[in-house]
Amino acid sequence: MTMEKTLLFTLLFSLTSLHTFAQKQSKAKQKECCTVAAKTHHQVLLHLATSDSSAHKGLINQLNGLREAFGDSVAIEVVVHGPGVDFLMTAKSTQRENIQKVIANGVQFYACENTMKARKISKEEMLPQVGFVKFGLAEIVQKQEEGWTYIKTGF
């Protein structure tokens, strides 16, 4: 074998080895990436401000979908204010049973006390297990500042 052929053979062997090594490294990185993503804990804040019962049903579907997608690796809170408080009122909610089910699955609901005061709604008129915040929009801002993912519902 001539020196040129030996050099060419060595060069081709080296390039092939380098390519194989790079592919293995890339696959290892992809696996590492996906493993980390699977362990991520999500924090999702949903915002409801409508009395539209079809939007309320849609919100329940969204909550169930989030739980199905992320399992126990997601914290879900819903802040409700304005006309949306009807969703959480014992006498007005069309989703009472579904709300209880998603609460049992770890979803937390918070009603805006400022809205309740303006509409003369007492805490006793709300569904059991509903929490309260002084001012719904301020709660939303605070959660976003803490890194929660914000989703506006009920368009």
C-alpha atoms as a PDB file:
ATOM      1  CA  MET A   1       0.000   0.000   0.000  1.00  0.00           C
ATOM      2  CA  THR A   2       1.336   3.372  -0.882  1.00  0.00           C
ATOM      3  CA  MET A   3       1.714   6.165   1.619  1.00  0.00           C
ATOM      4  CA  GLU A   4      -1.106   8.123  -0.025  1.00  0.00           C
ATOM      5  CA  LYS A   5      -3.492   5.176   0.229  1.00  0.00           C
ATOM      6  CA  THR A   6      -2.524   4.581   3.866  1.00  0.00           C
ATOM      7  CA  LEU A   7      -3.088   8.243   4.682  1.00  0.00           C
ATOM      8  CA  LEU A   8      -6.441   8.245   2.861  1.00  0.00           C
ATOM      9  CA  PHE A   9      -7.526   5.052   4.647  1.00  0.00           C
ATOM     10  CA  THR A  10      -6.531   6.510   8.034  1.00  0.00           C
ATOM     11  CA  LEU A  11      -8.406   9.738   7.297  1.00  0.00           C
ATOM     12  CA  LEU A  12     -11.580   7.890   6.254  1.00  0.00           C
ATOM     13  CA  PHE A  13     -11.410   5.619   9.318  1.00  0.00           C
ATOM     14  CA  SER A  14     -10.985   8.639  11.608  1.00  0.00           C
ATOM     15  CA  LEU A  15     -13.929  10.498  10.056  1.00  0.00           C
ATOM     16  CA  THR A  16     -16.153   7.438  10.338  1.00  0.00           C
ATOM     17  CA  SER A  17     -15.190   6.960  13.985  1.00  0.00           C
ATOM     18  CA  LEU A  18     -15.786  10.627  14.753  1.00  0.00           C
ATOM     19  CA  HIS A  19     -19.211  10.532  13.083  1.00  0.00           C
ATOM     20  CA  THR A  20     -20.237   7.422  15.063  1.00  0.00           C
ATOM     21  CA  PHE A  21     -19.033   9.018  18.316  1.00  0.00           C
ATOM     22  CA  ALA A  22     -20.968  12.236  17.558  1.00  0.00           C
ATOM     23  CA  GLN A  23     -24.176  10.292  16.893  1.00  0.00           C
ATOM     24  CA  LYS A  24     -23.847   8.416  20.211  1.00  0.00           C
ATOM     25  CA  GLN A  25     -23.261  11.699  22.066  1.00  0.00           C
ATOM     26  CA  SER A  26     -26.296  13.274  20.381  1.00  0.00           C
ATOM     27  CA  LYS A  27     -28.530  10.350  21.395  1.00  0.00           C
ATOM     28  CA  ALA A  28     -27.212  10.514  24.952  1.00  0.00           C
ATOM     29  CA  LYS A  29     -27.999  14.252  25.093  1.00  0.00           C
ATOM     30  CA  GLN A  30     -31.522  13.660  23.746  1.00  0.00           C
ATOM     31  CA  LYS A  31     -32.153  10.995  26.350  1.00  0.00           C
ATOM     32  CA  GLU A  32     -30.817  13.247  29.112  1.00  0.00           C
ATOM     33  CA  CYS A  33     -33.005  16.114  27.872  1.00  0.00           C
ATOM     34  CA  CYS A  34     -36.183  14.057  27.862  1.00  0.00           C
ATOM     35  CA  THR A  35     -35.464  12.545  31.274  1.00  0.00           C
ATOM     36  CA  VAL A  36     -35.052  16.009  32.769  1.00  0.00           C
ATOM     37  CA  ALA A  37     -38.250  17.243  31.097  1.00  0.00           C
ATOM     38  CA  ALA A  38     -40.216  14.296  32.468  1.00  0.00           C
ATOM     39  CA  LYS A  39     -39.178  15.249  36.011  1.00  0.00           C
ATOM     40  CA  THR A  40     -40.146  18.914  35.648  1.00  0.00           C
ATOM     41  CA  HIS A  41     -42.823  20.192  38.018  1.00  0.00           C
ATOM     42  CA  HIS A  42     -45.312  22.448  36.270  1.00  0.00           C
ATOM     43  CA  GLN A  43     -47.311  25.242  37.902  1.00  0.00           C
ATOM     44  CA  VAL A  44     -50.347  26.322  35.917  1.00  0.00           C
ATOM     45  CA  LEU A  45     -52.670  29.185  36.807  1.00  0.00           C
ATOM     46  CA  LEU A  46     -55.971  29.441  34.965  1.00  0.00           C
ATOM     47  CA  HIS A  47     -58.036  32.634  34.998  1.00  0.00           C
ATOM     48  CA  LEU A  48     -61.829  32.646  34.605  1.00  0.00           C
ATOM     49  CA  ALA A  49     -63.908  35.825  34.383  1.00  0.00           C
ATOM     50  CA  THR A  50     -67.055  34.809  32.503  1.00  0.00           C
ATOM     51  CA  SER A  51     -70.471  33.515  33.536  1.00  0.00           C
ATOM     52  CA  ASP A  52     -70.820  31.562  30.266  1.00  0.00           C
ATOM     53  CA  SER A  53     -71.680  27.980  31.268  1.00  0.00           C
ATOM     54  CA  SER A  54     -70.154  26.562  28.072  1.00  0.00           C
ATOM     55  CA  ALA A  55     -66.853  28.225  29.055  1.00  0.00           C
ATOM     56  CA  HIS A  56     -67.210  26.621  32.485  1.00  0.00           C
ATOM     57  CA  LYS A  57     -67.574  23.196  30.882  1.00  0.00           C
ATOM     58  CA  GLY A  58     -64.556  23.962  28.694  1.00  0.00           C
ATOM     59  CA  LEU A  59     -62.515  24.880  31.775  1.00  0.00           C
ATOM     60  CA  ILE A  60     -63.320  21.517  33.376  1.00  0.00           C
ATOM     61  CA  ASN A  61     -62.124  19.801  30.174  1.00  0.00           C
ATOM     62  CA  GLN A  62     -58.911  21.848  30.242  1.00  0.00           C
ATOM     63  CA  LEU A  63     -58.284  20.936  33.883  1.00  0.00           C
ATOM     64  CA  ASN A  64     -58.791  17.250  33.182  1.00  0.00           C
ATOM     65  CA  GLY A  65     -56.516  17.491  30.141  1.00  0.00           C
ATOM     66  CA  LEU A  66     -53.723  19.138  32.122  1.00  0.00           C
ATOM     67  CA  ARG A  67     -53.935  16.451  34.799  1.00  0.00           C
ATOM     68  CA  GLU A  68     -53.923  13.725  32.137  1.00  0.00           C
ATOM     69  CA  ALA A  69     -50.935  15.262  30.342  1.00  0.00           C
ATOM     70  CA  PHE A  70     -48.771  15.948  33.395  1.00  0.00           C
ATOM     71  CA  GLY A  71     -50.134  13.640  36.110  1.00  0.00           C
ATOM     72  CA  ASP A  72     -48.911  14.530  39.561  1.00  0.00           C
ATOM     73  CA  SER A  73     -46.113  16.709  38.197  1.00  0.00           C
ATOM     74  CA  VAL A  74     -48.456  19.699  37.836  1.00  0.00           C
ATOM     75  CA  ALA A  75     -49.901  22.099  40.389  1.00  0.00           C
ATOM     76  CA  ILE A  76     -53.107  23.668  39.083  1.00  0.00           C
ATOM     77  CA  GLU A  77     -54.897  26.693  40.481  1.00  0.00           C
ATOM     78  CA  VAL A  78     -57.903  28.554  39.117  1.00  0.00           C
ATOM     79  CA  VAL A  79     -58.547  32.195  40.023  1.00  0.00           C
ATOM     80  CA  VAL A  80     -62.120  33.310  39.398  1.00  0.00           C
ATOM     81  CA  HIS A  81     -63.404  36.881  39.477  1.00  0.00           C
ATOM     82  CA  GLY A  82     -66.046  39.131  37.961  1.00  0.00           C
ATOM     83  CA  PRO A  83     -68.987  37.276  36.406  1.00  0.00           C
ATOM     84  CA  GLY A  84     -66.914  34.078  36.628  1.00  0.00           C
ATOM     85  CA  VAL A  85     -67.761  33.705  40.322  1.00  0.00           C
ATOM     86  CA  ASP A  86     -71.095  32.179  39.227  1.00  0.00           C
ATOM     87  CA  PHE A  87     -69.016  29.105  38.343  1.00  0.00           C
ATOM     88  CA  LEU A  88     -68.178  28.616  42.034  1.00  0.00           C
ATOM     89  CA  MET A  89     -71.549  29.546  43.547  1.00  0.00           C
ATOM     90  CA  THR A  90     -73.612  26.712  45.007  1.00  0.00           C
ATOM     91  CA  ALA A  91     -76.870  28.120  43.606  1.00  0.00           C
ATOM     92  CA  LYS A  92     -75.564  29.011  40.119  1.00  0.00           C
ATOM     93  CA  SER A  93     -72.836  26.552  39.129  1.00  0.00           C
ATOM     94  CA  THR A  94     -73.660  24.100  36.340  1.00  0.00           C
ATOM     95  CA  GLN A  95     -70.439  22.193  37.061  1.00  0.00           C
ATOM     96  CA  ARG A  96     -70.729  21.397  40.797  1.00  0.00           C
ATOM     97  CA  GLU A  97     -70.015  17.670  40.474  1.00  0.00           C
ATOM     98  CA  ASN A  98     -67.169  18.170  38.018  1.00  0.00           C
ATOM     99  CA  ILE A  99     -65.622  20.854  40.225  1.00  0.00           C
ATOM    100  CA  GLN A 100     -65.674  18.445  43.170  1.00  0.00           C
ATOM    101  CA  LYS A 101     -63.988  15.779  41.020  1.00  0.00           C
ATOM    102  CA  VAL A 102     -61.143  18.040  39.895  1.00  0.00           C
ATOM    103  CA  ILE A 103     -60.706  19.321  43.461  1.00  0.00           C
ATOM    104  CA  ALA A 104     -60.348  15.677  44.543  1.00  0.00           C
ATOM    105  CA  ASN A 105     -57.592  15.426  41.878  1.00  0.00           C
ATOM    106  CA  GLY A 106     -55.683  18.330  43.414  1.00  0.00           C
ATOM    107  CA  VAL A 107     -56.977  21.394  41.555  1.00  0.00           C
ATOM    108  CA  GLN A 108     -57.456  24.455  43.756  1.00  0.00           C
ATOM    109  CA  PHE A 109     -60.055  27.147  43.125  1.00  0.00           C
ATOM    110  CA  TYR A 110     -59.919  30.702  44.459  1.00  0.00           C
ATOM    111  CA  ALA A 111     -62.724  33.245  44.336  1.00  0.00           C
ATOM    112  CA  CYS A 112     -62.032  36.980  44.367  1.00  0.00           C
ATOM    113  CA  GLU A 113     -63.299  38.567  47.592  1.00  0.00           C
ATOM    114  CA  ASN A 114     -63.339  41.988  45.918  1.00  0.00           C
ATOM    115  CA  THR A 115     -65.832  40.704  43.328  1.00  0.00           C
ATOM    116  CA  MET A 116     -67.852  38.947  46.008  1.00  0.00           C
ATOM    117  CA  LYS A 117     -68.052  42.156  48.037  1.00  0.00           C
ATOM    118  CA  ALA A 118     -69.147  44.194  44.993  1.00  0.00           C
ATOM    119  CA  ARG A 119     -71.809  41.600  44.118  1.00  0.00           C
ATOM    120  CA  LYS A 120     -72.854  41.083  47.762  1.00  0.00           C
ATOM    121  CA  ILE A 121     -71.982  37.376  47.728  1.00  0.00           C
ATOM    122  CA  SER A 122     -71.047  35.696  51.011  1.00  0.00           C
ATOM    123  CA  LYS A 123     -68.483  32.928  51.416  1.00  0.00           C
ATOM    124  CA  GLU A 124     -71.307  30.636  52.512  1.00  0.00           C
ATOM    125  CA  GLU A 125     -72.844  30.938  49.026  1.00  0.00           C
ATOM    126  CA  MET A 126     -69.750  29.431  47.457  1.00  0.00           C
ATOM    127  CA  LEU A 127     -69.076  25.733  46.885  1.00  0.00           C
ATOM    128  CA  PRO A 128     -67.280  23.943  49.727  1.00  0.00           C
ATOM    129  CA  GLN A 129     -63.479  23.680  49.417  1.00  0.00           C
ATOM    130  CA  VAL A 130     -63.235  26.939  47.455  1.00  0.00           C
ATOM    131  CA  GLY A 131     -60.469  29.224  48.669  1.00  0.00           C
ATOM    132  CA  PHE A 132     -60.518  33.000  48.633  1.00  0.00           C
ATOM    133  CA  VAL A 133     -58.107  35.745  47.595  1.00  0.00           C
ATOM    134  CA  LYS A 134     -58.500  39.445  48.412  1.00  0.00           C
ATOM    135  CA  PHE A 135     -58.117  40.641  44.820  1.00  0.00           C
ATOM    136  CA  GLY A 136     -58.143  38.168  41.910  1.00  0.00           C
ATOM    137  CA  LEU A 137     -56.036  40.172  39.478  1.00  0.00           C
ATOM    138  CA  ALA A 138     -53.381  40.848  42.119  1.00  0.00           C
ATOM    139  CA  GLU A 139     -53.222  37.096  42.809  1.00  0.00           C
ATOM    140  CA  ILE A 140     -52.727  36.436  39.100  1.00  0.00           C
ATOM    141  CA  VAL A 141     -49.909  38.985  38.891  1.00  0.00           C
ATOM    142  CA  GLN A 142     -48.210  37.529  41.965  1.00  0.00           C
ATOM    143  CA  LYS A 143     -48.392  33.957  40.649  1.00  0.00           C
ATOM    144  CA  GLN A 144     -46.919  35.037  37.303  1.00  0.00           C
ATOM    145  CA  GLU A 145     -44.080  36.786  39.119  1.00  0.00           C
ATOM    146  CA  GLU A 146     -43.445  33.495  40.943  1.00  0.00           C
ATOM    147  CA  GLY A 147     -43.091  31.721  37.585  1.00  0.00           C
ATOM    148  CA  TRP A 148     -46.521  30.149  37.177  1.00  0.00           C
ATOM    149  CA  THR A 149     -47.753  29.571  33.624  1.00  0.00           C
ATOM    150  CA  TYR A 150     -50.810  31.762  32.980  1.00  0.00           C
ATOM    151  CA  ILE A 151     -53.780  30.636  30.901  1.00  0.00           C
ATOM    152  CA  LYS A 152     -56.838  32.817  30.310  1.00  0.00           C
ATOM    153  CA  THR A 153     -59.944  30.671  29.897  1.00  0.00           C
ATOM    154  CA  GLY A 154     -63.481  31.320  28.778  1.00  0.00           C
ATOM    155  CA  PHE A 155     -63.125  33.398  25.622  1.00  0.00           C
END
